[in-house]
PDB file of N, CA and C in Angstrom:
ATOM      1  N   MET A   1      10.036 -68.302 106.574  1.00  0.00           N
ATOM      2  CA  MET A   1       8.997 -68.829 105.709  1.00  0.00           C
ATOM      3  C   MET A   1       9.638 -69.182 104.377  1.00  0.00           C
ATOM      4  N   ASN A   2       9.332 -70.356 103.881  1.00  0.00           N
ATOM      5  CA  ASN A   2       9.838 -70.752 102.566  1.00  0.00           C
ATOM      6  C   ASN A   2       8.721 -70.615 101.521  1.00  0.00           C
ATOM      7  N   LYS A   3       9.038 -71.001 100.295  1.00  0.00           N
ATOM      8  CA  LYS A   3       8.101 -70.833  99.182  1.00  0.00           C
ATOM      9  C   LYS A   3       6.802 -71.617  99.401  1.00  0.00           C
ATOM     10  N   THR A   4       6.907 -72.848  99.892  1.00  0.00           N
ATOM     11  CA  THR A   4       5.723 -73.680 100.124  1.00  0.00           C
ATOM     12  C   THR A   4       4.800 -73.052 101.171  1.00  0.00           C
ATOM     13  N   GLU A   5       5.389 -72.572 102.254  1.00  0.00           N
ATOM     14  CA  GLU A   5       4.585 -71.931 103.308  1.00  0.00           C
ATOM     15  C   GLU A   5       3.937 -70.650 102.792  1.00  0.00           C
ATOM     16  N   LEU A   6       4.685 -69.889 101.971  1.00  0.00           N
ATOM     17  CA  LEU A   6       4.131 -68.668 101.393  1.00  0.00           C
ATOM     18  C   LEU A   6       2.932 -68.984 100.506  1.00  0.00           C
ATOM     19  N   VAL A   7       3.047 -70.007  99.674  1.00  0.00           N
ATOM     20  CA  VAL A   7       1.946 -70.399  98.785  1.00  0.00           C
ATOM     21  C   VAL A   7       0.729 -70.817  99.603  1.00  0.00           C
ATOM     22  N   LYS A   8       0.934 -71.551 100.681  1.00  0.00           N
ATOM     23  CA  LYS A   8      -0.181 -71.966 101.536  1.00  0.00           C
ATOM     24  C   LYS A   8      -0.880 -70.764 102.157  1.00  0.00           C
ATOM     25  N   ARG A   9      -0.096 -69.810 102.646  1.00  0.00           N
ATOM     26  CA  ARG A   9      -0.705 -68.612 103.257  1.00  0.00           C
ATOM     27  C   ARG A   9      -1.424 -67.756 102.229  1.00  0.00           C
ATOM     28  N   LEU A  10      -0.828 -67.629 101.035  1.00  0.00           N
ATOM     29  CA  LEU A  10      -1.497 -66.880  99.962  1.00  0.00           C
ATOM     30  C   LEU A  10      -2.812 -67.536  99.594  1.00  0.00           C
ATOM     31  N   SER A  11      -2.816 -68.853  99.520  1.00  0.00           N
ATOM     32  CA  SER A  11      -4.018 -69.602  99.179  1.00  0.00           C
ATOM     33  C   SER A  11      -5.107 -69.379 100.216  1.00  0.00           C
ATOM     34  N   LYS A  12      -4.734 -69.448 101.464  1.00  0.00           N
ATOM     35  CA  LYS A  12      -5.705 -69.260 102.540  1.00  0.00           C
ATOM     36  C   LYS A  12      -6.260 -67.826 102.548  1.00  0.00           C
ATOM     37  N   GLN A  13      -5.377 -66.846 102.368  1.00  0.00           N
ATOM     38  CA  GLN A  13      -5.772 -65.435 102.398  1.00  0.00           C
ATOM     39  C   GLN A  13      -6.637 -65.058 101.198  1.00  0.00           C
ATOM     40  N   SER A  14      -6.283 -65.561 100.015  1.00  0.00           N
ATOM     41  CA  SER A  14      -6.973 -65.161  98.791  1.00  0.00           C
ATOM     42  C   SER A  14      -8.122 -66.071  98.400  1.00  0.00           C
ATOM     43  N   LYS A  15      -8.215 -67.226  99.057  1.00  0.00           N
ATOM     44  CA  LYS A  15      -9.241 -68.224  98.740  1.00  0.00           C
ATOM     45  C   LYS A  15      -9.080 -68.778  97.320  1.00  0.00           C
ATOM     46  N   LEU A  16      -7.843 -68.763  96.825  1.00  0.00           N
ATOM     47  CA  LEU A  16      -7.506 -69.394  95.555  1.00  0.00           C
ATOM     48  C   LEU A  16      -6.836 -70.722  95.863  1.00  0.00           C
ATOM     49  N   SER A  17      -6.751 -71.582  94.871  1.00  0.00           N
ATOM     50  CA  SER A  17      -6.083 -72.866  95.091  1.00  0.00           C
ATOM     51  C   SER A  17      -4.583 -72.643  95.235  1.00  0.00           C
ATOM     52  N   GLN A  18      -3.924 -73.601  95.868  1.00  0.00           N
ATOM     53  CA  GLN A  18      -2.475 -73.506  96.021  1.00  0.00           C
ATOM     54  C   GLN A  18      -1.787 -73.545  94.653  1.00  0.00           C
ATOM     55  N   LYS A  19      -2.358 -74.297  93.730  1.00  0.00           N
ATOM     56  CA  LYS A  19      -1.794 -74.381  92.384  1.00  0.00           C
ATOM     57  C   LYS A  19      -1.836 -73.015  91.700  1.00  0.00           C
ATOM     58  N   ASP A  20      -2.966 -72.307  91.827  1.00  0.00           N
ATOM     59  CA  ASP A  20      -3.091 -70.977  91.231  1.00  0.00           C
ATOM     60  C   ASP A  20      -2.128 -69.986  91.884  1.00  0.00           C
ATOM     61  N   CYS A  21      -1.994 -70.065  93.197  1.00  0.00           N
ATOM     62  CA  CYS A  21      -1.079 -69.173  93.909  1.00  0.00           C
ATOM     63  C   CYS A  21       0.368 -69.433  93.506  1.00  0.00           C
ATOM     64  N   LEU A  22       0.710 -70.703  93.321  1.00  0.00           N
ATOM     65  CA  LEU A  22       2.057 -71.054  92.889  1.00  0.00           C
ATOM     66  C   LEU A  22       2.330 -70.518  91.484  1.00  0.00           C
ATOM     67  N   LEU A  23       1.347 -70.635  90.592  1.00  0.00           N
ATOM     68  CA  LEU A  23       1.500 -70.100  89.236  1.00  0.00           C
ATOM     69  C   LEU A  23       1.697 -68.589  89.263  1.00  0.00           C
ATOM     70  N   CYS A  24       0.933 -67.897  90.096  1.00  0.00           N
ATOM     71  CA  CYS A  24       1.061 -66.436  90.217  1.00  0.00           C
ATOM     72  C   CYS A  24       2.424 -66.046  90.773  1.00  0.00           C
ATOM     73  N   LEU A  25       2.873 -66.750  91.788  1.00  0.00           N
ATOM     74  CA  LEU A  25       4.163 -66.459  92.396  1.00  0.00           C
ATOM     75  C   LEU A  25       5.296 -66.686  91.396  1.00  0.00           C
ATOM     76  N   ASN A  26       5.240 -67.781  90.662  1.00  0.00           N
ATOM     77  CA  ASN A  26       6.266 -68.058  89.648  1.00  0.00           C
ATOM     78  C   ASN A  26       6.229 -67.022  88.526  1.00  0.00           C
ATOM     79  N   ALA A  27       5.041 -66.608  88.119  1.00  0.00           N
ATOM     80  CA  ALA A  27       4.909 -65.596  87.070  1.00  0.00           C
ATOM     81  C   ALA A  27       5.475 -64.259  87.557  1.00  0.00           C
ATOM     82  N   PHE A  28       5.178 -63.901  88.805  1.00  0.00           N
ATOM     83  CA  PHE A  28       5.710 -62.659  89.380  1.00  0.00           C
ATOM     84  C   PHE A  28       7.237 -62.693  89.380  1.00  0.00           C
ATOM     85  N   LYS A  29       7.807 -63.820  89.789  1.00  0.00           N
ATOM     86  CA  LYS A  29       9.259 -63.963  89.839  1.00  0.00           C
ATOM     87  C   LYS A  29       9.878 -63.810  88.449  1.00  0.00           C
ATOM     88  N   GLU A  30       9.254 -64.407  87.431  1.00  0.00           N
ATOM     89  CA  GLU A  30       9.766 -64.320  86.065  1.00  0.00           C
ATOM     90  C   GLU A  30       9.667 -62.905  85.515  1.00  0.00           C
ATOM     91  N   VAL A  31       8.534 -62.243  85.750  1.00  0.00           N
ATOM     92  CA  VAL A  31       8.349 -60.874  85.268  1.00  0.00           C
ATOM     93  C   VAL A  31       9.326 -59.928  85.958  1.00  0.00           C
ATOM     94  N   LEU A  32       9.495 -60.092  87.256  1.00  0.00           N
ATOM     95  CA  LEU A  32      10.418 -59.259  88.020  1.00  0.00           C
ATOM     96  C   LEU A  32      11.850 -59.451  87.520  1.00  0.00           C
ATOM     97  N   THR A  33      12.255 -60.686  87.321  1.00  0.00           N
ATOM     98  CA  THR A  33      13.603 -60.979  86.836  1.00  0.00           C
ATOM     99  C   THR A  33      13.838 -60.373  85.454  1.00  0.00           C
ATOM    100  N   ALA A  34      12.891 -60.541  84.557  1.00  0.00           N
ATOM    101  CA  ALA A  34      13.029 -60.002  83.202  1.00  0.00           C
ATOM    102  C   ALA A  34      13.090 -58.473  83.220  1.00  0.00           C
ATOM    103  N   SER A  35      12.282 -57.851  84.062  1.00  0.00           N
ATOM    104  CA  SER A  35      12.286 -56.390  84.160  1.00  0.00           C
ATOM    105  C   SER A  35      13.619 -55.877  84.695  1.00  0.00           C
ATOM    106  N   LEU A  36      14.144 -56.524  85.717  1.00  0.00           N
ATOM    107  CA  LEU A  36      15.432 -56.108  86.282  1.00  0.00           C
ATOM    108  C   LEU A  36      16.563 -56.324  85.285  1.00  0.00           C
ATOM    109  N   GLN A  37      16.500 -57.386  84.490  1.00  0.00           N
ATOM    110  CA  GLN A  37      17.521 -57.636  83.470  1.00  0.00           C
ATOM    111  C   GLN A  37      17.522 -56.528  82.425  1.00  0.00           C
ATOM    112  N   ARG A  38      16.358 -55.945  82.145  1.00  0.00           N
ATOM    113  CA  ARG A  38      16.260 -54.836  81.191  1.00  0.00           C
ATOM    114  C   ARG A  38      16.617 -53.498  81.833  1.00  0.00           C
ATOM    115  N   GLY A  39      16.884 -53.493  83.136  1.00  0.00           N
ATOM    116  CA  GLY A  39      17.247 -52.258  83.828  1.00  0.00           C
ATOM    117  C   GLY A  39      16.055 -51.454  84.310  1.00  0.00           C
ATOM    118  N   GLU A  40      14.877 -52.038  84.269  1.00  0.00           N
ATOM    119  CA  GLU A  40      13.665 -51.339  84.714  1.00  0.00           C
ATOM    120  C   GLU A  40      13.507 -51.457  86.229  1.00  0.00           C
ATOM    121  N   MET A  41      12.890 -50.444  86.811  1.00  0.00           N
ATOM    122  CA  MET A  41      12.550 -50.492  88.227  1.00  0.00           C
ATOM    123  C   MET A  41      11.115 -50.994  88.349  1.00  0.00           C
ATOM    124  N   VAL A  42      10.861 -51.867  89.312  1.00  0.00           N
ATOM    125  CA  VAL A  42       9.515 -52.373  89.569  1.00  0.00           C
ATOM    126  C   VAL A  42       9.070 -51.794  90.902  1.00  0.00           C
ATOM    127  N   SER A  43       8.025 -50.970  90.860  1.00  0.00           N
ATOM    128  CA  SER A  43       7.551 -50.287  92.057  1.00  0.00           C
ATOM    129  C   SER A  43       6.136 -50.740  92.396  1.00  0.00           C
ATOM    130  N   LEU A  44       5.930 -51.159  93.645  1.00  0.00           N
ATOM    131  CA  LEU A  44       4.624 -51.580  94.129  1.00  0.00           C
ATOM    132  C   LEU A  44       4.204 -50.617  95.231  1.00  0.00           C
ATOM    133  N   ALA A  45       3.211 -49.782  94.956  1.00  0.00           N
ATOM    134  CA  ALA A  45       2.780 -48.754  95.903  1.00  0.00           C
ATOM    135  C   ALA A  45       2.394 -49.393  97.237  1.00  0.00           C
ATOM    136  N   GLY A  46       2.894 -48.824  98.315  1.00  0.00           N
ATOM    137  CA  GLY A  46       2.587 -49.320  99.649  1.00  0.00           C
ATOM    138  C   GLY A  46       3.431 -50.513 100.064  1.00  0.00           C
ATOM    139  N   PHE A  47       4.307 -51.000  99.167  1.00  0.00           N
ATOM    140  CA  PHE A  47       5.147 -52.153  99.479  1.00  0.00           C
ATOM    141  C   PHE A  47       6.631 -51.811  99.340  1.00  0.00           C
ATOM    142  N   GLY A  48       7.025 -51.366  98.152  1.00  0.00           N
ATOM    143  CA  GLY A  48       8.420 -51.009  97.934  1.00  0.00           C
ATOM    144  C   GLY A  48       8.788 -51.080  96.474  1.00  0.00           C
ATOM    145  N   LYS A  49      10.097 -50.988  96.217  1.00  0.00           N
ATOM    146  CA  LYS A  49      10.549 -51.044  94.829  1.00  0.00           C
ATOM    147  C   LYS A  49      11.775 -51.932  94.705  1.00  0.00           C
ATOM    148  N   PHE A  50      11.868 -52.580  93.555  1.00  0.00           N
ATOM    149  CA  PHE A  50      13.000 -53.420  93.190  1.00  0.00           C
ATOM    150  C   PHE A  50      13.741 -52.711  92.065  1.00  0.00           C
ATOM    151  N   TYR A  51      15.071 -52.654  92.156  1.00  0.00           N
ATOM    152  CA  TYR A  51      15.856 -52.029  91.105  1.00  0.00           C
ATOM    153  C   TYR A  51      17.272 -52.598  91.131  1.00  0.00           C
ATOM    154  N   MET A  52      18.044 -52.279  90.091  1.00  0.00           N
ATOM    155  CA  MET A  52      19.430 -52.723  90.000  1.00  0.00           C
ATOM    156  C   MET A  52      20.335 -51.569  90.432  1.00  0.00           C
ATOM    157  N   LYS A  53      21.295 -51.882  91.299  1.00  0.00           N
ATOM    158  CA  LYS A  53      22.225 -50.868  91.795  1.00  0.00           C
ATOM    159  C   LYS A  53      23.620 -51.198  91.292  1.00  0.00           C
ATOM    160  N   HIS A  54      24.333 -50.164  90.845  1.00  0.00           N
ATOM    161  CA  HIS A  54      25.693 -50.343  90.334  1.00  0.00           C
ATOM    162  C   HIS A  54      26.691 -50.179  91.477  1.00  0.00           C
ATOM    163  N   TYR A  55      27.609 -51.136  91.585  1.00  0.00           N
ATOM    164  CA  TYR A  55      28.691 -51.073  92.561  1.00  0.00           C
ATOM    165  C   TYR A  55      30.011 -50.947  91.796  1.00  0.00           C
ATOM    166  N   LYS A  56      30.843 -49.983  92.185  1.00  0.00           N
ATOM    167  CA  LYS A  56      32.117 -49.745  91.517  1.00  0.00           C
ATOM    168  C   LYS A  56      33.117 -50.852  91.857  1.00  0.00           C
ATOM    169  N   GLU A  57      34.150 -50.942  91.029  1.00  0.00           N
ATOM    170  CA  GLU A  57      35.243 -51.871  91.316  1.00  0.00           C
ATOM    171  C   GLU A  57      35.942 -51.407  92.590  1.00  0.00           C
ATOM    172  N   ARG A  58      36.342 -52.365  93.420  1.00  0.00           N
ATOM    173  CA  ARG A  58      37.021 -51.997  94.669  1.00  0.00           C
ATOM    174  C   ARG A  58      37.957 -53.106  95.110  1.00  0.00           C
ATOM    175  N   LYS A  59      38.822 -52.735  96.032  1.00  0.00           N
ATOM    176  CA  LYS A  59      39.747 -53.702  96.611  1.00  0.00           C
ATOM    177  C   LYS A  59      39.101 -54.300  97.853  1.00  0.00           C
ATOM    178  N   SER A  60      39.354 -55.576  98.100  1.00  0.00           N
ATOM    179  CA  SER A  60      38.804 -56.259  99.248  1.00  0.00           C
ATOM    180  C   SER A  60      39.860 -57.200  99.832  1.00  0.00           C
ATOM    181  N   TYR A  61      39.614 -57.646 101.045  1.00  0.00           N
ATOM    182  CA  TYR A  61      40.542 -58.531 101.742  1.00  0.00           C
ATOM    183  C   TYR A  61      39.912 -59.912 101.855  1.00  0.00           C
ATOM    184  N   ASN A  62      40.666 -60.932 101.436  1.00  0.00           N
ATOM    185  CA  ASN A  62      40.212 -62.312 101.553  1.00  0.00           C
ATOM    186  C   ASN A  62      40.823 -62.899 102.828  1.00  0.00           C
ATOM    187  N   PRO A  63      40.019 -63.104 103.882  1.00  0.00           N
ATOM    188  CA  PRO A  63      40.581 -63.592 105.138  1.00  0.00           C
ATOM    189  C   PRO A  63      41.111 -65.026 105.055  1.00  0.00           C
ATOM    190  N   GLN A  64      40.628 -65.797 104.108  1.00  0.00           N
ATOM    191  CA  GLN A  64      41.067 -67.187 103.982  1.00  0.00           C
ATOM    192  C   GLN A  64      42.503 -67.271 103.447  1.00  0.00           C
ATOM    193  N   THR A  65      42.794 -66.461 102.427  1.00  0.00           N
ATOM    194  CA  THR A  65      44.139 -66.469 101.843  1.00  0.00           C
ATOM    195  C   THR A  65      45.002 -65.341 102.380  1.00  0.00           C
ATOM    196  N   GLN A  66      44.410 -64.416 103.108  1.00  0.00           N
ATOM    197  CA  GLN A  66      45.076 -63.242 103.672  1.00  0.00           C
ATOM    198  C   GLN A  66      45.725 -62.387 102.591  1.00  0.00           C
ATOM    199  N   LYS A  67      45.029 -62.266 101.475  1.00  0.00           N
ATOM    200  CA  LYS A  67      45.511 -61.438 100.366  1.00  0.00           C
ATOM    201  C   LYS A  67      44.455 -60.411 100.005  1.00  0.00           C
ATOM    202  N   ILE A  68      44.933 -59.330  99.409  1.00  0.00           N
ATOM    203  CA  ILE A  68      44.018 -58.305  98.918  1.00  0.00           C
ATOM    204  C   ILE A  68      43.645 -58.684  97.489  1.00  0.00           C
ATOM    205  N   CYS A  69      42.349 -58.650  97.204  1.00  0.00           N
ATOM    206  CA  CYS A  69      41.876 -59.004  95.866  1.00  0.00           C
ATOM    207  C   CYS A  69      41.013 -57.863  95.330  1.00  0.00           C
ATOM    208  N   SER A  70      40.731 -57.927  94.067  1.00  0.00           N
ATOM    209  CA  SER A  70      39.940 -56.899  93.412  1.00  0.00           C
ATOM    210  C   SER A  70      38.548 -57.450  93.105  1.00  0.00           C
ATOM    211  N   LEU A  71      37.529 -56.689  93.462  1.00  0.00           N
ATOM    212  CA  LEU A  71      36.152 -57.062  93.119  1.00  0.00           C
ATOM    213  C   LEU A  71      35.736 -56.230  91.914  1.00  0.00           C
ATOM    214  N   ASN A  72      35.267 -56.882  90.878  1.00  0.00           N
ATOM    215  CA  ASN A  72      34.857 -56.198  89.650  1.00  0.00           C
ATOM    216  C   ASN A  72      33.623 -55.346  89.882  1.00  0.00           C
ATOM    217  N   ALA A  73      33.459 -54.346  89.027  1.00  0.00           N
ATOM    218  CA  ALA A  73      32.238 -53.545  89.045  1.00  0.00           C
ATOM    219  C   ALA A  73      31.081 -54.453  88.656  1.00  0.00           C
ATOM    220  N   ARG A  74      29.922 -54.227  89.258  1.00  0.00           N
ATOM    221  CA  ARG A  74      28.782 -55.105  88.971  1.00  0.00           C
ATOM    222  C   ARG A  74      27.466 -54.419  89.324  1.00  0.00           C
ATOM    223  N   TYR A  75      26.397 -54.983  88.810  1.00  0.00           N
ATOM    224  CA  TYR A  75      25.043 -54.574  89.153  1.00  0.00           C
ATOM    225  C   TYR A  75      24.423 -55.668  90.004  1.00  0.00           C
ATOM    226  N   LEU A  76      23.734 -55.270  91.077  1.00  0.00           N
ATOM    227  CA  LEU A  76      23.067 -56.238  91.936  1.00  0.00           C
ATOM    228  C   LEU A  76      21.632 -55.785  92.191  1.00  0.00           C
ATOM    229  N   PRO A  77      20.695 -56.725  92.309  1.00  0.00           N
ATOM    230  CA  PRO A  77      19.308 -56.353  92.600  1.00  0.00           C
ATOM    231  C   PRO A  77      19.173 -55.862  94.041  1.00  0.00           C
ATOM    232  N   VAL A  78      18.316 -54.849  94.217  1.00  0.00           N
ATOM    233  CA  VAL A  78      18.087 -54.236  95.524  1.00  0.00           C
ATOM    234  C   VAL A  78      16.583 -54.089  95.730  1.00  0.00           C
ATOM    235  N   PHE A  79      16.134 -54.259  96.978  1.00  0.00           N
ATOM    236  CA  PHE A  79      14.750 -53.983  97.343  1.00  0.00           C
ATOM    237  C   PHE A  79      14.763 -52.883  98.379  1.00  0.00           C
ATOM    238  N   LYS A  80      13.941 -51.864  98.175  1.00  0.00           N
ATOM    239  CA  LYS A  80      13.808 -50.785  99.133  1.00  0.00           C
ATOM    240  C   LYS A  80      12.349 -50.734  99.578  1.00  0.00           C
ATOM    241  N   ALA A  81      12.111 -50.939 100.866  1.00  0.00           N
ATOM    242  CA  ALA A  81      10.756 -50.961 101.405  1.00  0.00           C
ATOM    243  C   ALA A  81      10.166 -49.552 101.426  1.00  0.00           C
ATOM    244  N   SER A  82       8.858 -49.450 101.201  1.00  0.00           N
ATOM    245  CA  SER A  82       8.186 -48.156 101.238  1.00  0.00           C
ATOM    246  C   SER A  82       7.971 -47.721 102.683  1.00  0.00           C
ATOM    247  N   GLY A  83       7.665 -46.458 102.863  1.00  0.00           N
ATOM    248  CA  GLY A  83       7.375 -45.939 104.201  1.00  0.00           C
ATOM    249  C   GLY A  83       6.182 -46.603 104.835  1.00  0.00           C
ATOM    250  N   ALA A  84       5.180 -46.929 104.020  1.00  0.00           N
ATOM    251  CA  ALA A  84       3.970 -47.593 104.540  1.00  0.00           C
ATOM    252  C   ALA A  84       4.311 -48.981 105.092  1.00  0.00           C
ATOM    253  N   LEU A  85       5.158 -49.714 104.372  1.00  0.00           N
ATOM    254  CA  LEU A  85       5.555 -51.042 104.844  1.00  0.00           C
ATOM    255  C   LEU A  85       6.396 -50.938 106.113  1.00  0.00           C
ATOM    256  N   LYS A  86       7.313 -49.976 106.128  1.00  0.00           N
ATOM    257  CA  LYS A  86       8.175 -49.789 107.303  1.00  0.00           C
ATOM    258  C   LYS A  86       7.358 -49.453 108.547  1.00  0.00           C
ATOM    259  N   SER A  87       6.319 -48.633 108.368  1.00  0.00           N
ATOM    260  CA  SER A  87       5.512 -48.235 109.525  1.00  0.00           C
ATOM    261  C   SER A  87       4.664 -49.387 110.068  1.00  0.00           C
ATOM    262  N   LYS A  88       4.341 -50.370 109.221  1.00  0.00           N
ATOM    263  CA  LYS A  88       3.553 -51.522 109.669  1.00  0.00           C
ATOM    264  C   LYS A  88       4.396 -52.570 110.389  1.00  0.00           C
ATOM    265  N   ILE A  89       5.691 -52.534 110.135  1.00  0.00           N
ATOM    266  CA  ILE A  89       6.581 -53.545 110.726  1.00  0.00           C
ATOM    267  C   ILE A  89       7.093 -53.064 112.017  1.00  0.00           C
TER     268      ILE A  89
END
């Protein structure tokens, strides 16, 4: 499912216009991004939580060049599904 299909399904389910659903989806994406940039966790009861996870620097193998390279330490966004969501799937 892509963004357009998601907006159509949200519109049908909520009985809101597609334009309103698109605005809500874009607003959610912006708020989520800003919260994660500040290091905050976003938790939605019954759905899951979004947070930033720290990965240490490590060595890795590049199969294209066949050399060992170093990957810098970094933070990456993570989603962890709740038990309620897992049980429904």
